[in-house]
């Protein structure tokens, strides 16, 4: 992929000519970690990154790390601290938070201010119907041409897989939780 220099991107000296859509999905661990890895790589090259978090607690290791990397990586999104074990995806609070975060994500994407935007756990939000296919496809079409868009979460719908330029499915072959080992701070969150 070629890079070009222009006045708008003078803050880092270049921008991607064409941004792609990446999707990380599946039941295995690592979707958010892969997206944060992309964000770190982009920031390391001077690109400006925004991460909008859906359905996640606010106090995670990645948020703490991003605070240290500001302003190269900015984190947005208020979380309802959704817990999938409680099947609370359709609560009014979760729906409200999802809509507010999606509206914020649209503003961030359409602003043209960022080179990469990560929508962490947006696939769940789409799966639950809090954001629909028409809204997402419209956002894809209206995004700035240089913007790399990274979407994570289980249950990515087929239309999204078809639309994406890169799709990775994380497969859960073996996980410590299967042996009763709880999520560990600094490793799983």
N, C-alpha and C. Protein backbone atom coordinates (compact mmCIF):
# COMPACT_ATOMS: atom_id res chain seq x y z
N UNK A 1 0.84 -1.17 0.00
CA UNK A 1 0.00 0.00 0.00
C UNK A 1 0.89 1.24 0.00
N UNK A 2 0.65 2.14 -0.92
CA UNK A 2 1.42 3.38 -1.01
C UNK A 2 1.02 4.36 0.06
N UNK A 3 1.96 5.20 0.44
CA UNK A 3 1.70 6.30 1.36
C UNK A 3 1.91 7.60 0.59
N UNK A 4 1.18 8.61 0.98
CA UNK A 4 1.36 9.91 0.35
C UNK A 4 1.54 10.96 1.42
N UNK A 5 2.21 12.02 1.06
CA UNK A 5 2.41 13.14 1.98
C UNK A 5 1.47 14.26 1.58
N UNK A 6 0.79 14.85 2.53
CA UNK A 6 0.00 16.05 2.26
C UNK A 6 -0.03 16.92 3.51
N UNK A 7 -0.55 18.12 3.37
CA UNK A 7 -0.54 19.07 4.48
C UNK A 7 -1.39 18.57 5.65
N UNK A 8 -2.50 17.89 5.37
CA UNK A 8 -3.37 17.42 6.44
C UNK A 8 -2.66 16.43 7.35
N UNK A 9 -1.79 15.64 6.76
CA UNK A 9 -1.13 14.60 7.55
C UNK A 9 0.26 15.03 8.01
N UNK A 10 0.53 16.32 8.00
CA UNK A 10 1.85 16.81 8.38
C UNK A 10 2.20 16.44 9.82
N UNK A 11 1.21 16.14 10.64
CA UNK A 11 1.50 15.79 12.04
C UNK A 11 2.37 14.54 12.12
N UNK A 12 2.27 13.64 11.14
CA UNK A 12 3.13 12.46 11.13
C UNK A 12 3.82 12.24 9.80
N UNK A 13 3.57 13.13 8.84
CA UNK A 13 4.32 13.10 7.60
C UNK A 13 3.75 12.24 6.48
N UNK A 14 2.76 11.41 6.77
CA UNK A 14 2.19 10.59 5.71
C UNK A 14 0.82 10.08 6.13
N UNK A 15 0.09 9.55 5.20
CA UNK A 15 -1.16 8.87 5.51
C UNK A 15 -1.37 7.76 4.49
N UNK A 16 -2.16 6.79 4.87
CA UNK A 16 -2.44 5.71 3.95
C UNK A 16 -3.31 6.24 2.82
N UNK A 17 -3.04 5.76 1.64
CA UNK A 17 -3.84 6.17 0.49
C UNK A 17 -5.23 5.53 0.57
N UNK A 18 -5.28 4.28 1.02
CA UNK A 18 -6.56 3.58 1.12
C UNK A 18 -6.60 2.77 2.40
N UNK A 19 -7.53 3.11 3.27
CA UNK A 19 -7.72 2.33 4.48
C UNK A 19 -8.62 1.13 4.21
N UNK A 20 -8.42 0.08 4.97
CA UNK A 20 -9.20 -1.15 4.81
C UNK A 20 -10.08 -1.38 6.02
N UNK A 21 -10.95 -2.38 5.90
CA UNK A 21 -11.81 -2.81 7.01
C UNK A 21 -11.30 -4.17 7.47
N UNK A 22 -10.95 -4.25 8.75
CA UNK A 22 -10.49 -5.49 9.36
C UNK A 22 -11.53 -5.97 10.36
N UNK A 23 -11.77 -7.27 10.40
CA UNK A 23 -12.71 -7.86 11.36
C UNK A 23 -12.02 -9.00 12.09
N UNK A 24 -12.09 -8.95 13.42
CA UNK A 24 -11.61 -10.04 14.27
C UNK A 24 -12.83 -10.59 15.01
N UNK A 25 -13.14 -11.86 14.78
CA UNK A 25 -14.34 -12.45 15.33
C UNK A 25 -14.05 -13.88 15.79
N UNK A 26 -15.07 -14.58 16.23
CA UNK A 26 -14.93 -15.97 16.67
C UNK A 26 -15.05 -16.10 18.17
N UNK A 27 -15.09 -17.35 18.64
CA UNK A 27 -15.28 -17.63 20.06
C UNK A 27 -13.97 -17.69 20.85
N UNK A 28 -12.85 -17.66 20.17
CA UNK A 28 -11.57 -17.75 20.85
C UNK A 28 -11.09 -16.41 21.41
N UNK A 29 -10.12 -16.50 22.32
CA UNK A 29 -9.50 -15.34 22.94
C UNK A 29 -8.60 -14.64 21.93
N UNK A 30 -8.50 -13.32 22.02
CA UNK A 30 -7.52 -12.60 21.24
C UNK A 30 -8.04 -11.56 20.27
N UNK A 31 -9.35 -11.38 20.17
CA UNK A 31 -9.90 -10.42 19.22
C UNK A 31 -9.50 -8.98 19.60
N UNK A 32 -9.75 -8.63 20.84
CA UNK A 32 -9.37 -7.29 21.30
C UNK A 32 -7.87 -7.13 21.31
N UNK A 33 -7.15 -8.17 21.71
CA UNK A 33 -5.68 -8.10 21.73
C UNK A 33 -5.13 -7.86 20.33
N UNK A 34 -5.70 -8.49 19.32
CA UNK A 34 -5.25 -8.28 17.94
C UNK A 34 -5.50 -6.84 17.51
N UNK A 35 -6.67 -6.31 17.86
CA UNK A 35 -6.99 -4.93 17.48
C UNK A 35 -6.06 -3.94 18.19
N UNK A 36 -5.79 -4.18 19.47
CA UNK A 36 -4.87 -3.30 20.19
C UNK A 36 -3.46 -3.42 19.63
N UNK A 37 -3.09 -4.60 19.17
CA UNK A 37 -1.80 -4.75 18.52
C UNK A 37 -1.71 -3.90 17.26
N UNK A 38 -2.79 -3.87 16.49
CA UNK A 38 -2.84 -3.01 15.31
C UNK A 38 -2.72 -1.54 15.71
N UNK A 39 -3.43 -1.17 16.78
CA UNK A 39 -3.39 0.22 17.26
C UNK A 39 -1.98 0.61 17.70
N UNK A 40 -1.31 -0.28 18.42
CA UNK A 40 0.06 0.00 18.87
C UNK A 40 1.01 0.14 17.69
N UNK A 41 0.87 -0.74 16.71
CA UNK A 41 1.72 -0.66 15.53
C UNK A 41 1.50 0.66 14.80
N UNK A 42 0.24 1.05 14.63
CA UNK A 42 -0.07 2.31 13.95
C UNK A 42 0.50 3.50 14.72
N UNK A 43 0.31 3.50 16.04
CA UNK A 43 0.84 4.59 16.87
C UNK A 43 2.36 4.64 16.80
N UNK A 44 2.99 3.49 16.74
CA UNK A 44 4.44 3.43 16.63
C UNK A 44 4.96 4.07 15.36
N UNK A 45 4.12 4.13 14.34
CA UNK A 45 4.49 4.77 13.08
C UNK A 45 3.95 6.20 12.99
N UNK A 46 3.44 6.70 14.12
CA UNK A 46 2.99 8.08 14.16
C UNK A 46 1.57 8.31 13.68
N UNK A 47 0.83 7.24 13.43
CA UNK A 47 -0.57 7.41 13.05
C UNK A 47 -1.41 7.71 14.27
N UNK A 48 -2.48 8.43 14.07
CA UNK A 48 -3.38 8.80 15.17
C UNK A 48 -4.51 7.79 15.22
N UNK A 49 -4.72 7.20 16.40
CA UNK A 49 -5.65 6.09 16.57
C UNK A 49 -6.71 6.44 17.60
N UNK A 50 -7.95 6.06 17.31
CA UNK A 50 -9.05 6.15 18.28
C UNK A 50 -9.60 4.74 18.49
N UNK A 51 -9.89 4.43 19.73
CA UNK A 51 -10.53 3.17 20.08
C UNK A 51 -11.85 3.51 20.76
N UNK A 52 -12.95 3.00 20.21
CA UNK A 52 -14.26 3.18 20.83
C UNK A 52 -14.66 1.82 21.37
N UNK A 53 -14.88 1.77 22.68
CA UNK A 53 -15.14 0.51 23.36
C UNK A 53 -16.62 0.34 23.63
N UNK A 54 -17.14 -0.83 23.29
CA UNK A 54 -18.53 -1.20 23.55
C UNK A 54 -18.51 -2.37 24.52
N UNK A 55 -19.45 -2.40 25.45
CA UNK A 55 -19.68 -3.57 26.30
C UNK A 55 -18.45 -3.99 27.11
N UNK A 56 -17.62 -3.06 27.50
CA UNK A 56 -16.40 -3.41 28.23
C UNK A 56 -16.31 -2.58 29.51
N UNK A 57 -15.75 -3.19 30.58
CA UNK A 57 -15.51 -2.39 31.79
C UNK A 57 -14.45 -1.33 31.50
N UNK A 58 -14.54 -0.24 32.22
CA UNK A 58 -13.67 0.90 31.96
C UNK A 58 -12.25 0.74 32.48
N UNK A 59 -12.02 -0.19 33.40
CA UNK A 59 -10.71 -0.31 34.03
C UNK A 59 -10.01 -1.58 33.55
N UNK A 60 -9.45 -1.50 32.35
CA UNK A 60 -8.74 -2.66 31.80
C UNK A 60 -7.30 -2.27 31.54
N UNK A 61 -6.47 -3.27 31.35
CA UNK A 61 -5.05 -3.03 31.08
C UNK A 61 -4.83 -2.22 29.83
N UNK A 62 -5.63 -2.49 28.78
CA UNK A 62 -5.42 -1.75 27.54
C UNK A 62 -5.77 -0.28 27.68
N UNK A 63 -6.79 0.04 28.47
CA UNK A 63 -7.14 1.44 28.70
C UNK A 63 -6.03 2.13 29.49
N UNK A 64 -5.52 1.45 30.50
CA UNK A 64 -4.42 2.03 31.28
C UNK A 64 -3.19 2.28 30.40
N UNK A 65 -2.87 1.35 29.52
CA UNK A 65 -1.73 1.53 28.62
C UNK A 65 -1.98 2.69 27.66
N UNK A 66 -3.19 2.78 27.13
CA UNK A 66 -3.51 3.85 26.17
C UNK A 66 -3.38 5.23 26.82
N UNK A 67 -3.72 5.32 28.11
CA UNK A 67 -3.57 6.60 28.81
C UNK A 67 -2.11 7.05 28.80
N UNK A 68 -1.20 6.10 28.84
CA UNK A 68 0.23 6.42 28.81
C UNK A 68 0.71 6.77 27.41
N UNK A 69 -0.05 6.36 26.39
CA UNK A 69 0.33 6.61 25.00
C UNK A 69 -0.39 7.82 24.39
N UNK A 70 -1.24 8.47 25.18
CA UNK A 70 -1.96 9.64 24.67
C UNK A 70 -0.94 10.69 24.27
N UNK A 71 -1.16 11.43 23.21
CA UNK A 71 -2.36 11.50 22.39
C UNK A 71 -2.35 10.59 21.17
N UNK A 72 -1.36 9.71 21.02
CA UNK A 72 -1.33 8.85 19.83
C UNK A 72 -2.50 7.86 19.80
N UNK A 73 -2.93 7.38 20.97
CA UNK A 73 -4.10 6.50 21.04
C UNK A 73 -5.09 7.14 22.01
N UNK A 74 -6.28 7.43 21.51
CA UNK A 74 -7.34 8.00 22.34
C UNK A 74 -8.43 6.94 22.54
N UNK A 75 -8.92 6.82 23.76
CA UNK A 75 -9.94 5.82 24.07
C UNK A 75 -11.25 6.52 24.39
N UNK A 76 -12.32 6.02 23.76
CA UNK A 76 -13.65 6.59 23.94
C UNK A 76 -14.64 5.49 24.28
N UNK A 77 -15.81 5.88 24.73
CA UNK A 77 -16.91 4.95 24.97
C UNK A 77 -17.17 4.74 26.44
N UNK A 78 -18.40 4.99 26.83
CA UNK A 78 -18.82 4.71 28.20
C UNK A 78 -19.42 3.32 28.22
N UNK A 79 -19.01 2.54 29.20
CA UNK A 79 -19.43 1.15 29.25
C UNK A 79 -20.52 0.94 30.28
N UNK A 80 -21.42 0.04 29.94
CA UNK A 80 -22.45 -0.37 30.89
C UNK A 80 -21.96 -1.53 31.74
N UNK A 81 -20.67 -1.87 31.59
CA UNK A 81 -20.08 -3.02 32.29
C UNK A 81 -20.92 -4.27 32.02
N UNK A 82 -21.27 -4.46 30.78
CA UNK A 82 -22.04 -5.61 30.32
C UNK A 82 -21.36 -6.91 30.73
N UNK A 83 -22.14 -7.86 31.20
CA UNK A 83 -21.63 -9.18 31.57
C UNK A 83 -22.40 -10.23 30.76
N UNK A 84 -21.76 -10.86 29.76
CA UNK A 84 -22.50 -11.79 28.90
C UNK A 84 -23.08 -12.97 29.66
N UNK A 85 -22.52 -13.29 30.82
CA UNK A 85 -23.06 -14.41 31.61
C UNK A 85 -24.44 -14.09 32.17
N UNK A 86 -24.78 -12.81 32.25
CA UNK A 86 -26.07 -12.40 32.81
C UNK A 86 -27.13 -12.19 31.75
N UNK A 87 -26.78 -12.37 30.46
CA UNK A 87 -27.72 -12.20 29.35
C UNK A 87 -28.49 -10.90 29.48
N UNK A 88 -27.76 -9.81 29.66
CA UNK A 88 -28.38 -8.51 29.86
C UNK A 88 -28.26 -7.62 28.62
N UNK A 89 -27.98 -8.24 27.47
CA UNK A 89 -27.72 -7.47 26.27
C UNK A 89 -28.88 -6.58 25.84
N UNK A 90 -30.08 -6.92 26.24
CA UNK A 90 -31.23 -6.13 25.80
C UNK A 90 -31.75 -5.18 26.86
N UNK A 91 -30.99 -4.96 27.91
CA UNK A 91 -31.45 -4.04 28.95
C UNK A 91 -31.45 -2.61 28.39
N UNK A 92 -32.33 -1.77 28.89
CA UNK A 92 -32.36 -0.37 28.41
C UNK A 92 -31.02 0.33 28.59
N UNK A 93 -30.31 0.04 29.67
CA UNK A 93 -29.03 0.69 29.92
C UNK A 93 -27.99 0.29 28.86
N UNK A 94 -27.93 -1.01 28.54
CA UNK A 94 -26.97 -1.48 27.54
C UNK A 94 -27.32 -0.90 26.17
N UNK A 95 -28.59 -0.92 25.79
CA UNK A 95 -29.01 -0.33 24.51
C UNK A 95 -28.64 1.15 24.44
N UNK A 96 -28.90 1.88 25.51
CA UNK A 96 -28.59 3.32 25.55
C UNK A 96 -27.09 3.55 25.39
N UNK A 97 -26.29 2.81 26.13
CA UNK A 97 -24.84 2.96 26.03
C UNK A 97 -24.33 2.60 24.64
N UNK A 98 -24.87 1.53 24.05
CA UNK A 98 -24.46 1.12 22.71
C UNK A 98 -24.77 2.21 21.68
N UNK A 99 -25.95 2.78 21.75
CA UNK A 99 -26.34 3.84 20.81
C UNK A 99 -25.46 5.08 21.01
N UNK A 100 -25.24 5.47 22.25
CA UNK A 100 -24.40 6.64 22.53
C UNK A 100 -22.98 6.40 22.01
N UNK A 101 -22.44 5.22 22.26
CA UNK A 101 -21.09 4.91 21.78
C UNK A 101 -21.03 4.85 20.26
N UNK A 102 -22.07 4.33 19.62
CA UNK A 102 -22.08 4.28 18.16
C UNK A 102 -22.16 5.69 17.57
N UNK A 103 -22.99 6.54 18.15
CA UNK A 103 -23.07 7.92 17.67
C UNK A 103 -21.72 8.63 17.82
N UNK A 104 -21.04 8.37 18.92
CA UNK A 104 -19.71 8.93 19.12
C UNK A 104 -18.73 8.37 18.09
N UNK A 105 -18.80 7.07 17.83
CA UNK A 105 -17.92 6.44 16.84
C UNK A 105 -18.14 7.06 15.46
N UNK A 106 -19.39 7.31 15.08
CA UNK A 106 -19.67 7.94 13.79
C UNK A 106 -18.99 9.31 13.70
N UNK A 107 -19.11 10.11 14.77
CA UNK A 107 -18.48 11.44 14.77
C UNK A 107 -16.97 11.33 14.60
N UNK A 108 -16.38 10.41 15.33
CA UNK A 108 -14.92 10.22 15.28
C UNK A 108 -14.49 9.78 13.89
N UNK A 109 -15.18 8.81 13.32
CA UNK A 109 -14.84 8.29 12.00
C UNK A 109 -14.98 9.37 10.93
N UNK A 110 -16.09 10.07 10.94
CA UNK A 110 -16.37 11.05 9.89
C UNK A 110 -15.57 12.33 10.04
N UNK A 111 -14.98 12.55 11.22
CA UNK A 111 -14.19 13.77 11.44
C UNK A 111 -12.95 13.82 10.56
N UNK A 112 -12.44 12.66 10.16
CA UNK A 112 -11.22 12.62 9.37
C UNK A 112 -9.97 12.89 10.18
N UNK A 113 -10.12 13.02 11.49
CA UNK A 113 -9.00 13.36 12.38
C UNK A 113 -8.09 12.17 12.65
N UNK A 114 -8.62 10.96 12.51
CA UNK A 114 -7.87 9.76 12.87
C UNK A 114 -7.48 8.95 11.65
N UNK A 115 -6.38 8.22 11.78
CA UNK A 115 -5.90 7.34 10.72
C UNK A 115 -6.43 5.92 10.88
N UNK A 116 -6.70 5.53 12.12
CA UNK A 116 -7.24 4.21 12.43
C UNK A 116 -8.28 4.37 13.53
N UNK A 117 -9.40 3.67 13.37
CA UNK A 117 -10.42 3.63 14.42
C UNK A 117 -10.74 2.17 14.69
N UNK A 118 -10.65 1.79 15.96
CA UNK A 118 -11.00 0.45 16.42
C UNK A 118 -12.36 0.54 17.09
N UNK A 119 -13.29 -0.31 16.66
CA UNK A 119 -14.60 -0.42 17.30
C UNK A 119 -14.62 -1.77 18.04
N UNK A 120 -14.21 -1.71 19.30
CA UNK A 120 -14.03 -2.93 20.09
C UNK A 120 -15.36 -3.46 20.58
N UNK A 121 -15.69 -4.68 20.20
CA UNK A 121 -16.92 -5.41 20.52
C UNK A 121 -18.14 -4.91 19.74
N UNK A 122 -17.93 -4.17 18.67
CA UNK A 122 -19.06 -3.72 17.85
C UNK A 122 -19.82 -4.88 17.23
N UNK A 123 -19.15 -6.01 16.98
CA UNK A 123 -19.84 -7.15 16.36
C UNK A 123 -20.97 -7.66 17.25
N UNK A 124 -20.78 -7.66 18.57
CA UNK A 124 -21.85 -8.04 19.50
C UNK A 124 -23.00 -7.05 19.39
N UNK A 125 -22.67 -5.78 19.32
CA UNK A 125 -23.68 -4.72 19.25
C UNK A 125 -24.52 -4.88 17.98
N UNK A 126 -23.87 -5.22 16.88
CA UNK A 126 -24.59 -5.48 15.62
C UNK A 126 -25.44 -6.74 15.77
N UNK A 127 -24.86 -7.79 16.33
CA UNK A 127 -25.56 -9.06 16.52
C UNK A 127 -26.84 -8.87 17.34
N UNK A 128 -26.78 -8.03 18.36
CA UNK A 128 -27.95 -7.79 19.22
C UNK A 128 -28.95 -6.82 18.60
N UNK A 129 -28.61 -6.23 17.46
CA UNK A 129 -29.54 -5.33 16.78
C UNK A 129 -29.52 -3.90 17.29
N UNK A 130 -28.54 -3.54 18.11
CA UNK A 130 -28.47 -2.17 18.62
C UNK A 130 -27.94 -1.22 17.56
N UNK A 131 -27.24 -1.75 16.57
CA UNK A 131 -26.80 -1.03 15.38
C UNK A 131 -27.12 -1.96 14.22
N UNK A 132 -27.69 -1.41 13.15
CA UNK A 132 -28.10 -2.31 12.06
C UNK A 132 -27.18 -2.23 10.85
N UNK A 133 -27.40 -3.17 9.96
CA UNK A 133 -26.57 -3.31 8.76
C UNK A 133 -26.58 -2.04 7.91
N UNK A 134 -27.73 -1.43 7.74
CA UNK A 134 -27.84 -0.22 6.91
C UNK A 134 -26.97 0.90 7.49
N UNK A 135 -27.02 1.08 8.82
CA UNK A 135 -26.19 2.11 9.46
C UNK A 135 -24.70 1.84 9.27
N UNK A 136 -24.31 0.59 9.45
CA UNK A 136 -22.89 0.25 9.32
C UNK A 136 -22.41 0.40 7.88
N UNK A 137 -23.17 -0.12 6.93
CA UNK A 137 -22.76 0.01 5.53
C UNK A 137 -22.67 1.47 5.12
N UNK A 138 -23.60 2.29 5.58
CA UNK A 138 -23.55 3.72 5.30
C UNK A 138 -22.31 4.36 5.87
N UNK A 139 -21.94 3.97 7.07
CA UNK A 139 -20.73 4.50 7.70
C UNK A 139 -19.48 4.05 6.93
N UNK A 140 -19.46 2.81 6.49
CA UNK A 140 -18.32 2.32 5.69
C UNK A 140 -18.15 3.17 4.44
N UNK A 141 -19.26 3.48 3.77
CA UNK A 141 -19.20 4.25 2.53
C UNK A 141 -18.77 5.70 2.76
N UNK A 142 -19.13 6.26 3.90
CA UNK A 142 -18.87 7.67 4.17
C UNK A 142 -17.53 7.92 4.86
N UNK A 143 -16.86 6.88 5.32
CA UNK A 143 -15.61 7.08 6.05
C UNK A 143 -14.55 7.67 5.12
N UNK A 144 -13.61 8.43 5.67
CA UNK A 144 -12.52 8.95 4.85
C UNK A 144 -11.76 7.80 4.20
N UNK A 145 -11.29 8.02 2.98
CA UNK A 145 -10.63 6.96 2.21
C UNK A 145 -9.38 6.41 2.89
N UNK A 146 -8.69 7.25 3.66
CA UNK A 146 -7.43 6.81 4.28
C UNK A 146 -7.65 6.04 5.58
N UNK A 147 -8.87 6.02 6.11
CA UNK A 147 -9.13 5.48 7.45
C UNK A 147 -9.14 3.95 7.48
N UNK A 148 -8.30 3.38 8.32
CA UNK A 148 -8.29 1.94 8.60
C UNK A 148 -9.32 1.71 9.71
N UNK A 149 -10.24 0.79 9.48
CA UNK A 149 -11.31 0.53 10.43
C UNK A 149 -11.19 -0.91 10.92
N UNK A 150 -11.12 -1.09 12.24
CA UNK A 150 -10.92 -2.41 12.85
C UNK A 150 -12.12 -2.70 13.74
N UNK A 151 -12.80 -3.82 13.49
CA UNK A 151 -13.99 -4.21 14.25
C UNK A 151 -13.74 -5.54 14.94
N UNK A 152 -14.14 -5.62 16.22
CA UNK A 152 -13.94 -6.86 16.96
C UNK A 152 -15.25 -7.35 17.56
N UNK A 153 -15.22 -8.59 18.01
CA UNK A 153 -16.33 -9.18 18.74
C UNK A 153 -16.82 -10.47 18.10
N UNK A 154 -17.41 -11.29 18.93
CA UNK A 154 -18.02 -12.54 18.45
C UNK A 154 -19.21 -12.23 17.57
N UNK A 155 -19.65 -13.26 16.86
CA UNK A 155 -20.90 -13.21 16.11
C UNK A 155 -20.94 -12.16 15.01
N UNK A 156 -19.84 -11.92 14.35
CA UNK A 156 -19.88 -11.00 13.20
C UNK A 156 -20.82 -11.58 12.15
N UNK A 157 -21.77 -10.79 11.66
CA UNK A 157 -22.71 -11.31 10.67
C UNK A 157 -22.03 -11.54 9.32
N UNK A 158 -22.62 -12.38 8.51
CA UNK A 158 -22.03 -12.73 7.22
C UNK A 158 -21.83 -11.52 6.32
N UNK A 159 -22.79 -10.58 6.32
CA UNK A 159 -22.64 -9.41 5.46
C UNK A 159 -21.39 -8.62 5.83
N UNK A 160 -21.04 -8.59 7.12
CA UNK A 160 -19.85 -7.87 7.56
C UNK A 160 -18.59 -8.60 7.12
N UNK A 161 -18.59 -9.92 7.23
CA UNK A 161 -17.46 -10.71 6.75
C UNK A 161 -17.25 -10.51 5.25
N UNK A 162 -18.34 -10.42 4.50
CA UNK A 162 -18.26 -10.20 3.07
C UNK A 162 -17.73 -8.80 2.74
N UNK A 163 -18.10 -7.82 3.53
CA UNK A 163 -17.71 -6.42 3.30
C UNK A 163 -16.25 -6.16 3.66
N UNK A 164 -15.74 -6.88 4.64
CA UNK A 164 -14.39 -6.63 5.16
C UNK A 164 -13.31 -7.01 4.15
N UNK A 165 -12.16 -6.35 4.32
CA UNK A 165 -10.99 -6.66 3.50
C UNK A 165 -10.13 -7.74 4.16
N UNK A 166 -10.18 -7.83 5.47
CA UNK A 166 -9.42 -8.82 6.23
C UNK A 166 -10.35 -9.38 7.31
N UNK A 167 -10.44 -10.68 7.40
CA UNK A 167 -11.25 -11.33 8.43
C UNK A 167 -10.39 -12.40 9.09
N UNK A 168 -10.34 -12.34 10.41
CA UNK A 168 -9.66 -13.37 11.19
C UNK A 168 -10.65 -13.92 12.20
N UNK A 169 -10.78 -15.26 12.23
CA UNK A 169 -11.65 -15.90 13.19
C UNK A 169 -10.79 -16.55 14.26
N UNK A 170 -11.00 -16.15 15.49
CA UNK A 170 -10.30 -16.74 16.62
C UNK A 170 -11.07 -18.00 17.03
N UNK A 171 -10.37 -19.12 17.11
CA UNK A 171 -10.99 -20.40 17.44
C UNK A 171 -10.54 -20.80 18.84
N UNK A 172 -11.50 -21.15 19.66
CA UNK A 172 -11.22 -21.55 21.04
C UNK A 172 -10.93 -23.05 21.07
N UNK A 173 -9.66 -23.41 21.11
CA UNK A 173 -9.26 -24.81 21.16
C UNK A 173 -9.06 -25.26 22.61
N UNK A 174 -8.41 -24.42 23.40
CA UNK A 174 -8.16 -24.73 24.80
C UNK A 174 -8.05 -23.39 25.54
N UNK A 175 -8.66 -23.30 26.71
CA UNK A 175 -8.66 -22.05 27.46
C UNK A 175 -8.62 -22.37 28.95
N UNK A 176 -7.88 -21.60 29.75
CA UNK A 176 -7.82 -21.86 31.19
C UNK A 176 -9.18 -21.85 31.89
N UNK A 177 -10.14 -21.08 31.36
CA UNK A 177 -11.46 -21.04 32.00
C UNK A 177 -12.14 -22.40 31.97
N UNK A 178 -11.78 -23.25 31.00
CA UNK A 178 -12.34 -24.59 30.91
C UNK A 178 -11.90 -25.45 32.09
N UNK A 179 -10.81 -25.07 32.75
CA UNK A 179 -10.32 -25.79 33.93
C UNK A 179 -10.64 -25.03 35.21
N UNK A 180 -11.52 -24.01 35.11
CA UNK A 180 -11.93 -23.26 36.29
C UNK A 180 -10.98 -22.15 36.69
N UNK A 181 -10.02 -21.81 35.85
CA UNK A 181 -9.09 -20.73 36.15
C UNK A 181 -9.74 -19.42 35.72
N UNK A 182 -9.99 -18.50 36.66
CA UNK A 182 -10.67 -17.24 36.33
C UNK A 182 -9.77 -16.30 35.52
N UNK A 183 -10.39 -15.32 34.88
CA UNK A 183 -9.66 -14.30 34.14
C UNK A 183 -8.68 -13.61 35.07
N UNK A 184 -7.47 -13.37 34.57
CA UNK A 184 -6.40 -12.79 35.39
C UNK A 184 -6.08 -11.36 34.95
N UNK A 185 -5.97 -10.49 35.95
CA UNK A 185 -5.64 -9.10 35.67
C UNK A 185 -4.27 -9.04 34.99
N UNK A 186 -4.20 -8.25 33.94
CA UNK A 186 -2.95 -8.11 33.20
C UNK A 186 -2.77 -9.15 32.10
N UNK A 187 -3.57 -10.19 32.10
CA UNK A 187 -3.48 -11.23 31.06
C UNK A 187 -4.77 -11.26 30.24
N UNK A 188 -5.90 -11.49 30.89
CA UNK A 188 -7.19 -11.51 30.16
C UNK A 188 -7.91 -10.17 30.17
N UNK A 189 -7.53 -9.28 31.07
CA UNK A 189 -8.16 -7.95 31.08
C UNK A 189 -7.22 -6.91 31.59
